[in-house]
Amino acid sequence: MRWIDKMNERAELMGRMLETIGAMEVMPEGALLDQSLREASSRCLNCKHADGCKDWLAENAKGAEEPYRECPNAELFKSFLKRS
């Protein structure tokens, strides 16, 4: 897979994960979020569980209370939910 295709795929997965758990509506704003999302993007890009993530997203298409447990960003995403 070309690097740009991998970046696009992972950005889509991360966005879908945030939507699935309802974190998009409650994410903080500002510089702290920008830095957190840059770091999260890097973790997602290097994650070895993309296939499991895709399966989890398919199984939880109607929503979930927590992110995929193997997600390297699970704790960050859960922290967004705790702020709501």
PDB file of N, CA and C in Angstrom:
ATOM      1  N   MET A   1       0.854  -1.175   0.000  1.00  0.00           N
ATOM      2  CA  MET A   1       0.000   0.000   0.000  1.00  0.00           C
ATOM      3  C   MET A   1       0.901   1.240   0.000  1.00  0.00           C
ATOM      4  N   ARG A   2       0.575   2.169  -0.866  1.00  0.00           N
ATOM      5  CA  ARG A   2       1.339   3.418  -0.898  1.00  0.00           C
ATOM      6  C   ARG A   2       1.097   4.185   0.394  1.00  0.00           C
ATOM      7  N   TRP A   3       2.085   4.971   0.807  1.00  0.00           N
ATOM      8  CA  TRP A   3       1.996   5.673   2.093  1.00  0.00           C
ATOM      9  C   TRP A   3       0.802   6.611   2.147  1.00  0.00           C
ATOM     10  N   ILE A   4       0.482   7.281   1.038  1.00  0.00           N
ATOM     11  CA  ILE A   4      -0.644   8.214   1.053  1.00  0.00           C
ATOM     12  C   ILE A   4      -1.964   7.461   1.201  1.00  0.00           C
ATOM     13  N   ASP A   5      -2.045   6.281   0.598  1.00  0.00           N
ATOM     14  CA  ASP A   5      -3.254   5.461   0.749  1.00  0.00           C
ATOM     15  C   ASP A   5      -3.407   4.990   2.192  1.00  0.00           C
ATOM     16  N   LYS A   6      -2.285   4.633   2.801  1.00  0.00           N
ATOM     17  CA  LYS A   6      -2.325   4.203   4.202  1.00  0.00           C
ATOM     18  C   LYS A   6      -2.750   5.362   5.099  1.00  0.00           C
ATOM     19  N   MET A   7      -2.228   6.558   4.836  1.00  0.00           N
ATOM     20  CA  MET A   7      -2.620   7.728   5.629  1.00  0.00           C
ATOM     21  C   MET A   7      -4.116   7.991   5.500  1.00  0.00           C
ATOM     22  N   ASN A   8      -4.631   7.932   4.289  1.00  0.00           N
ATOM     23  CA  ASN A   8      -6.060   8.162   4.070  1.00  0.00           C
ATOM     24  C   ASN A   8      -6.903   7.098   4.760  1.00  0.00           C
ATOM     25  N   GLU A   9      -6.481   5.845   4.655  1.00  0.00           N
ATOM     26  CA  GLU A   9      -7.214   4.756   5.291  1.00  0.00           C
ATOM     27  C   GLU A   9      -7.266   4.949   6.804  1.00  0.00           C
ATOM     28  N   ARG A  10      -6.130   5.263   7.396  1.00  0.00           N
ATOM     29  CA  ARG A  10      -6.073   5.399   8.848  1.00  0.00           C
ATOM     30  C   ARG A  10      -6.838   6.623   9.333  1.00  0.00           C
ATOM     31  N   ALA A  11      -6.807   7.708   8.565  1.00  0.00           N
ATOM     32  CA  ALA A  11      -7.596   8.890   8.939  1.00  0.00           C
ATOM     33  C   ALA A  11      -9.082   8.546   8.935  1.00  0.00           C
ATOM     34  N   GLU A  12      -9.504   7.768   7.948  1.00  0.00           N
ATOM     35  CA  GLU A  12     -10.904   7.348   7.892  1.00  0.00           C
ATOM     36  C   GLU A  12     -11.253   6.468   9.091  1.00  0.00           C
ATOM     37  N   LEU A  13     -10.385   5.508   9.412  1.00  0.00           N
ATOM     38  CA  LEU A  13     -10.645   4.627  10.553  1.00  0.00           C
ATOM     39  C   LEU A  13     -10.738   5.426  11.850  1.00  0.00           C
ATOM     40  N   MET A  14      -9.829   6.362  12.039  1.00  0.00           N
ATOM     41  CA  MET A  14      -9.835   7.150  13.270  1.00  0.00           C
ATOM     42  C   MET A  14     -11.112   7.991  13.362  1.00  0.00           C
ATOM     43  N   GLY A  15     -11.503   8.601  12.267  1.00  0.00           N
ATOM     44  CA  GLY A  15     -12.739   9.380  12.257  1.00  0.00           C
ATOM     45  C   GLY A  15     -13.959   8.522  12.535  1.00  0.00           C
ATOM     46  N   ARG A  16     -13.999   7.352  11.927  1.00  0.00           N
ATOM     47  CA  ARG A  16     -15.124   6.441  12.168  1.00  0.00           C
ATOM     48  C   ARG A  16     -15.156   5.980  13.619  1.00  0.00           C
ATOM     49  N   MET A  17     -13.993   5.728  14.200  1.00  0.00           N
ATOM     50  CA  MET A  17     -13.938   5.309  15.606  1.00  0.00           C
ATOM     51  C   MET A  17     -14.506   6.413  16.495  1.00  0.00           C
ATOM     52  N   LEU A  18     -14.085   7.649  16.257  1.00  0.00           N
ATOM     53  CA  LEU A  18     -14.584   8.772  17.053  1.00  0.00           C
ATOM     54  C   LEU A  18     -16.089   8.943  16.886  1.00  0.00           C
ATOM     55  N   GLU A  19     -16.587   8.778  15.674  1.00  0.00           N
ATOM     56  CA  GLU A  19     -18.035   8.865  15.428  1.00  0.00           C
ATOM     57  C   GLU A  19     -18.771   7.726  16.131  1.00  0.00           C
ATOM     58  N   THR A  20     -18.235   6.523  16.035  1.00  0.00           N
ATOM     59  CA  THR A  20     -18.897   5.335  16.585  1.00  0.00           C
ATOM     60  C   THR A  20     -19.093   5.431  18.089  1.00  0.00           C
ATOM     61  N   ILE A  21     -18.108   6.003  18.779  1.00  0.00           N
ATOM     62  CA  ILE A  21     -18.228   6.097  20.240  1.00  0.00           C
ATOM     63  C   ILE A  21     -18.862   7.410  20.687  1.00  0.00           C
ATOM     64  N   GLY A  22     -19.193   8.280  19.749  1.00  0.00           N
ATOM     65  CA  GLY A  22     -19.842   9.543  20.086  1.00  0.00           C
ATOM     66  C   GLY A  22     -18.897  10.625  20.572  1.00  0.00           C
ATOM     67  N   ALA A  23     -17.617  10.478  20.290  1.00  0.00           N
ATOM     68  CA  ALA A  23     -16.637  11.451  20.783  1.00  0.00           C
ATOM     69  C   ALA A  23     -16.530  12.697  19.912  1.00  0.00           C
ATOM     70  N   MET A  24     -16.967  12.637  18.676  1.00  0.00           N
ATOM     71  CA  MET A  24     -16.847  13.801  17.788  1.00  0.00           C
ATOM     72  C   MET A  24     -17.584  15.012  18.338  1.00  0.00           C
ATOM     73  N   GLU A  25     -18.712  14.763  18.979  1.00  0.00           N
ATOM     74  CA  GLU A  25     -19.537  15.864  19.476  1.00  0.00           C
ATOM     75  C   GLU A  25     -18.997  16.478  20.762  1.00  0.00           C
ATOM     76  N   VAL A  26     -18.112  15.783  21.450  1.00  0.00           N
ATOM     77  CA  VAL A  26     -17.664  16.259  22.766  1.00  0.00           C
ATOM     78  C   VAL A  26     -16.162  16.519  22.831  1.00  0.00           C
ATOM     79  N   MET A  27     -15.490  16.504  21.697  1.00  0.00           N
ATOM     80  CA  MET A  27     -14.045  16.721  21.697  1.00  0.00           C
ATOM     81  C   MET A  27     -13.725  18.147  22.127  1.00  0.00           C
ATOM     82  N   PRO A  28     -12.660  18.304  22.909  1.00  0.00           N
ATOM     83  CA  PRO A  28     -12.245  19.656  23.284  1.00  0.00           C
ATOM     84  C   PRO A  28     -11.737  20.399  22.049  1.00  0.00           C
ATOM     85  N   GLU A  29     -11.507  21.680  22.200  1.00  0.00           N
ATOM     86  CA  GLU A  29     -11.004  22.480  21.087  1.00  0.00           C
ATOM     87  C   GLU A  29      -9.688  23.121  21.475  1.00  0.00           C
ATOM     88  N   GLY A  30      -8.986  23.629  20.483  1.00  0.00           N
ATOM     89  CA  GLY A  30      -7.791  24.402  20.743  1.00  0.00           C
ATOM     90  C   GLY A  30      -6.494  23.655  20.501  1.00  0.00           C
ATOM     91  N   ALA A  31      -5.405  24.290  20.932  1.00  0.00           N
ATOM     92  CA  ALA A  31      -4.063  23.780  20.680  1.00  0.00           C
ATOM     93  C   ALA A  31      -3.829  22.416  21.309  1.00  0.00           C
ATOM     94  N   LEU A  32      -4.383  22.185  22.488  1.00  0.00           N
ATOM     95  CA  LEU A  32      -4.203  20.890  23.145  1.00  0.00           C
ATOM     96  C   LEU A  32      -4.803  19.777  22.291  1.00  0.00           C
ATOM     97  N   LEU A  33      -5.961  20.016  21.727  1.00  0.00           N
ATOM     98  CA  LEU A  33      -6.581  19.023  20.852  1.00  0.00           C
ATOM     99  C   LEU A  33      -5.730  18.817  19.605  1.00  0.00           C
ATOM    100  N   ASP A  34      -5.239  19.890  19.021  1.00  0.00           N
ATOM    101  CA  ASP A  34      -4.419  19.776  17.817  1.00  0.00           C
ATOM    102  C   ASP A  34      -3.225  18.866  18.060  1.00  0.00           C
ATOM    103  N   GLN A  35      -2.517  19.080  19.151  1.00  0.00           N
ATOM    104  CA  GLN A  35      -1.351  18.258  19.474  1.00  0.00           C
ATOM    105  C   GLN A  35      -1.768  16.818  19.750  1.00  0.00           C
ATOM    106  N   SER A  36      -2.842  16.638  20.487  1.00  0.00           N
ATOM    107  CA  SER A  36      -3.326  15.290  20.799  1.00  0.00           C
ATOM    108  C   SER A  36      -3.693  14.533  19.532  1.00  0.00           C
ATOM    109  N   LEU A  37      -4.333  15.202  18.590  1.00  0.00           N
ATOM    110  CA  LEU A  37      -4.731  14.531  17.351  1.00  0.00           C
ATOM    111  C   LEU A  37      -3.544  14.240  16.447  1.00  0.00           C
ATOM    112  N   ARG A  38      -2.529  15.090  16.466  1.00  0.00           N
ATOM    113  CA  ARG A  38      -1.309  14.788  15.708  1.00  0.00           C
ATOM    114  C   ARG A  38      -0.666  13.516  16.245  1.00  0.00           C
ATOM    115  N   GLU A  39      -0.574  13.428  17.571  1.00  0.00           N
ATOM    116  CA  GLU A  39       0.007  12.238  18.192  1.00  0.00           C
ATOM    117  C   GLU A  39      -0.868  11.011  17.940  1.00  0.00           C
ATOM    118  N   ALA A  40      -2.178  11.178  18.030  1.00  0.00           N
ATOM    119  CA  ALA A  40      -3.102  10.068  17.777  1.00  0.00           C
ATOM    120  C   ALA A  40      -2.984   9.587  16.331  1.00  0.00           C
ATOM    121  N   SER A  41      -2.842  10.512  15.405  1.00  0.00           N
ATOM    122  CA  SER A  41      -2.693  10.145  13.996  1.00  0.00           C
ATOM    123  C   SER A  41      -1.441   9.310  13.776  1.00  0.00           C
ATOM    124  N   SER A  42      -0.366   9.701  14.424  1.00  0.00           N
ATOM    125  CA  SER A  42       0.881   8.949  14.308  1.00  0.00           C
ATOM    126  C   SER A  42       0.729   7.543  14.881  1.00  0.00           C
ATOM    127  N   ARG A  43       0.076   7.441  16.048  1.00  0.00           N
ATOM    128  CA  ARG A  43      -0.139   6.111  16.635  1.00  0.00           C
ATOM    129  C   ARG A  43      -1.005   5.255  15.718  1.00  0.00           C
ATOM    130  N   CYS A  44      -2.038   5.843  15.155  1.00  0.00           N
ATOM    131  CA  CYS A  44      -2.938   5.112  14.266  1.00  0.00           C
ATOM    132  C   CYS A  44      -2.194   4.659  13.007  1.00  0.00           C
ATOM    133  N   LEU A  45      -1.394   5.531  12.455  1.00  0.00           N
ATOM    134  CA  LEU A  45      -0.648   5.210  11.246  1.00  0.00           C
ATOM    135  C   LEU A  45       0.287   4.026  11.461  1.00  0.00           C
ATOM    136  N   ASN A  46       0.817   3.896  12.664  1.00  0.00           N
ATOM    137  CA  ASN A  46       1.766   2.830  12.977  1.00  0.00           C
ATOM    138  C   ASN A  46       1.129   1.622  13.653  1.00  0.00           C
ATOM    139  N   CYS A  47      -0.177   1.633  13.816  1.00  0.00           N
ATOM    140  CA  CYS A  47      -0.890   0.558  14.507  1.00  0.00           C
ATOM    141  C   CYS A  47      -0.868  -0.731  13.687  1.00  0.00           C
ATOM    142  N   LYS A  48      -0.724  -1.837  14.384  1.00  0.00           N
ATOM    143  CA  LYS A  48      -0.709  -3.162  13.750  1.00  0.00           C
ATOM    144  C   LYS A  48      -2.078  -3.840  13.795  1.00  0.00           C
ATOM    145  N   HIS A  49      -3.106  -3.127  14.267  1.00  0.00           N
ATOM    146  CA  HIS A  49      -4.426  -3.731  14.453  1.00  0.00           C
ATOM    147  C   HIS A  49      -5.485  -3.160  13.510  1.00  0.00           C
ATOM    148  N   ALA A  50      -5.085  -2.691  12.339  1.00  0.00           N
ATOM    149  CA  ALA A  50      -6.046  -2.069  11.417  1.00  0.00           C
ATOM    150  C   ALA A  50      -7.153  -3.037  10.999  1.00  0.00           C
ATOM    151  N   ASP A  51      -6.809  -4.291  10.756  1.00  0.00           N
ATOM    152  CA  ASP A  51      -7.841  -5.251  10.351  1.00  0.00           C
ATOM    153  C   ASP A  51      -8.835  -5.484  11.482  1.00  0.00           C
ATOM    154  N   GLY A  52      -8.330  -5.595  12.708  1.00  0.00           N
ATOM    155  CA  GLY A  52      -9.218  -5.744  13.859  1.00  0.00           C
ATOM    156  C   GLY A  52     -10.083  -4.513  14.049  1.00  0.00           C
ATOM    157  N   CYS A  53      -9.516  -3.350  13.799  1.00  0.00           N
ATOM    158  CA  CYS A  53     -10.255  -2.091  13.900  1.00  0.00           C
ATOM    159  C   CYS A  53     -11.401  -2.075  12.888  1.00  0.00           C
ATOM    160  N   LYS A  54     -11.106  -2.464  11.662  1.00  0.00           N
ATOM    161  CA  LYS A  54     -12.147  -2.508  10.626  1.00  0.00           C
ATOM    162  C   LYS A  54     -13.268  -3.462  11.029  1.00  0.00           C
ATOM    163  N   ASP A  55     -12.890  -4.625  11.547  1.00  0.00           N
ATOM    164  CA  ASP A  55     -13.899  -5.597  11.995  1.00  0.00           C
ATOM    165  C   ASP A  55     -14.739  -5.017  13.125  1.00  0.00           C
ATOM    166  N   TRP A  56     -14.073  -4.378  14.098  1.00  0.00           N
ATOM    167  CA  TRP A  56     -14.770  -3.787  15.241  1.00  0.00           C
ATOM    168  C   TRP A  56     -15.750  -2.718  14.760  1.00  0.00           C
ATOM    169  N   LEU A  57     -15.304  -1.878  13.843  1.00  0.00           N
ATOM    170  CA  LEU A  57     -16.176  -0.830  13.318  1.00  0.00           C
ATOM    171  C   LEU A  57     -17.390  -1.427  12.609  1.00  0.00           C
ATOM    172  N   ALA A  58     -17.191  -2.499  11.858  1.00  0.00           N
ATOM    173  CA  ALA A  58     -18.309  -3.152  11.176  1.00  0.00           C
ATOM    174  C   ALA A  58     -19.291  -3.744  12.190  1.00  0.00           C
ATOM    175  N   GLU A  59     -18.764  -4.343  13.243  1.00  0.00           N
ATOM    176  CA  GLU A  59     -19.605  -4.965  14.269  1.00  0.00           C
ATOM    177  C   GLU A  59     -20.341  -3.933  15.124  1.00  0.00           C
ATOM    178  N   ASN A  60     -19.812  -2.724  15.198  1.00  0.00           N
ATOM    179  CA  ASN A  60     -20.385  -1.677  16.045  1.00  0.00           C
ATOM    180  C   ASN A  60     -20.902  -0.501  15.228  1.00  0.00           C
ATOM    181  N   ALA A  61     -21.388  -0.783  14.045  1.00  0.00           N
ATOM    182  CA  ALA A  61     -21.835   0.276  13.134  1.00  0.00           C
ATOM    183  C   ALA A  61     -22.929   1.156  13.730  1.00  0.00           C
ATOM    184  N   LYS A  62     -23.686   0.628  14.668  1.00  0.00           N
ATOM    185  CA  LYS A  62     -24.767   1.414  15.283  1.00  0.00           C
ATOM    186  C   LYS A  62     -24.306   2.186  16.511  1.00  0.00           C
ATOM    187  N   GLY A  63     -23.031   2.049  16.867  1.00  0.00           N
ATOM    188  CA  GLY A  63     -22.493   2.787  17.996  1.00  0.00           C
ATOM    189  C   GLY A  63     -21.934   1.881  19.074  1.00  0.00           C
ATOM    190  N   ALA A  64     -21.085   2.463  19.901  1.00  0.00           N
ATOM    191  CA  ALA A  64     -20.459   1.744  21.006  1.00  0.00           C
ATOM    192  C   ALA A  64     -20.141   2.739  22.109  1.00  0.00           C
ATOM    193  N   GLU A  65     -20.018   2.236  23.311  1.00  0.00           N
ATOM    194  CA  GLU A  65     -19.718   3.103  24.450  1.00  0.00           C
ATOM    195  C   GLU A  65     -18.226   3.335  24.637  1.00  0.00           C
ATOM    196  N   GLU A  66     -17.408   2.416  24.137  1.00  0.00           N
ATOM    197  CA  GLU A  66     -15.956   2.534  24.270  1.00  0.00           C
ATOM    198  C   GLU A  66     -15.296   2.149  22.955  1.00  0.00           C
ATOM    199  N   PRO A  67     -14.083   2.638  22.724  1.00  0.00           N
ATOM    200  CA  PRO A  67     -13.373   2.281  21.495  1.00  0.00           C
ATOM    201  C   PRO A  67     -12.870   0.836  21.520  1.00  0.00           C
ATOM    202  N   TYR A  68     -12.441   0.382  20.378  1.00  0.00           N
ATOM    203  CA  TYR A  68     -11.820  -0.930  20.207  1.00  0.00           C
ATOM    204  C   TYR A  68     -10.681  -1.059  21.212  1.00  0.00           C
ATOM    205  N   ARG A  69     -10.668  -2.145  21.952  1.00  0.00           N
ATOM    206  CA  ARG A  69      -9.714  -2.269  23.060  1.00  0.00           C
ATOM    207  C   ARG A  69      -8.257  -2.323  22.617  1.00  0.00           C
ATOM    208  N   GLU A  70      -7.990  -2.739  21.379  1.00  0.00           N
ATOM    209  CA  GLU A  70      -6.613  -2.796  20.881  1.00  0.00           C
ATOM    210  C   GLU A  70      -6.159  -1.467  20.276  1.00  0.00           C
ATOM    211  N   CYS A  71      -7.042  -0.503  20.225  1.00  0.00           N
ATOM    212  CA  CYS A  71      -6.714   0.798  19.637  1.00  0.00           C
ATOM    213  C   CYS A  71      -5.654   1.500  20.481  1.00  0.00           C
ATOM    214  N   PRO A  72      -4.559   1.939  19.870  1.00  0.00           N
ATOM    215  CA  PRO A  72      -3.528   2.641  20.628  1.00  0.00           C
ATOM    216  C   PRO A  72      -3.991   4.013  21.128  1.00  0.00           C
ATOM    217  N   ASN A  73      -5.138   4.461  20.651  1.00  0.00           N
ATOM    218  CA  ASN A  73      -5.697   5.743  21.073  1.00  0.00           C
ATOM    219  C   ASN A  73      -6.911   5.592  21.979  1.00  0.00           C
ATOM    220  N   ALA A  74      -7.176   4.388  22.429  1.00  0.00           N
ATOM    221  CA  ALA A  74      -8.382   4.129  23.223  1.00  0.00           C
ATOM    222  C   ALA A  74      -8.465   5.032  24.450  1.00  0.00           C
ATOM    223  N   GLU A  75      -7.386   5.177  25.181  1.00  0.00           N
ATOM    224  CA  GLU A  75      -7.420   6.000  26.399  1.00  0.00           C
ATOM    225  C   GLU A  75      -7.675   7.470  26.074  1.00  0.00           C
ATOM    226  N   LEU A  76      -7.058   7.971  25.021  1.00  0.00           N
ATOM    227  CA  LEU A  76      -7.299   9.356  24.603  1.00  0.00           C
ATOM    228  C   LEU A  76      -8.762   9.543  24.216  1.00  0.00           C
ATOM    229  N   PHE A  77      -9.290   8.639  23.424  1.00  0.00           N
ATOM    230  CA  PHE A  77     -10.676   8.757  22.987  1.00  0.00           C
ATOM    231  C   PHE A  77     -11.633   8.658  24.170  1.00  0.00           C
ATOM    232  N   LYS A  78     -11.338   7.783  25.120  1.00  0.00           N
ATOM    233  CA  LYS A  78     -12.180   7.686  26.320  1.00  0.00           C
ATOM    234  C   LYS A  78     -12.101   8.974  27.128  1.00  0.00           C
ATOM    235  N   SER A  79     -10.937   9.630  27.129  1.00  0.00           N
ATOM    236  CA  SER A  79     -10.808  10.889  27.874  1.00  0.00           C
ATOM    237  C   SER A  79     -11.699  11.969  27.269  1.00  0.00           C
ATOM    238  N   PHE A  80     -11.906  11.947  25.959  1.00  0.00           N
ATOM    239  CA  PHE A  80     -12.822  12.896  25.332  1.00  0.00           C
ATOM    240  C   PHE A  80     -14.234  12.678  25.858  1.00  0.00           C
ATOM    241  N   LEU A  81     -14.625  11.420  26.017  1.00  0.00           N
ATOM    242  CA  LEU A  81     -15.971  11.096  26.495  1.00  0.00           C
ATOM    243  C   LEU A  81     -16.164  11.511  27.945  1.00  0.00           C
ATOM    244  N   LYS A  82     -15.114  11.417  28.746  1.00  0.00           N
ATOM    245  CA  LYS A  82     -15.215  11.769  30.168  1.00  0.00           C
ATOM    246  C   LYS A  82     -15.420  13.261  30.374  1.00  0.00           C
ATOM    247  N   ARG A  83     -15.022  14.070  29.399  1.00  0.00           N
ATOM    248  CA  ARG A  83     -15.149  15.530  29.517  1.00  0.00           C
ATOM    249  C   ARG A  83     -16.563  16.006  29.243  1.00  0.00           C
ATOM    250  N   SER A  84     -17.378  15.142  28.675  1.00  0.00           N
ATOM    251  CA  SER A  84     -18.737  15.573  28.297  1.00  0.00           C
ATOM    252  C   SER A  84     -19.658  15.620  29.492  1.00  0.00           C
TER     253      SER A  84
END
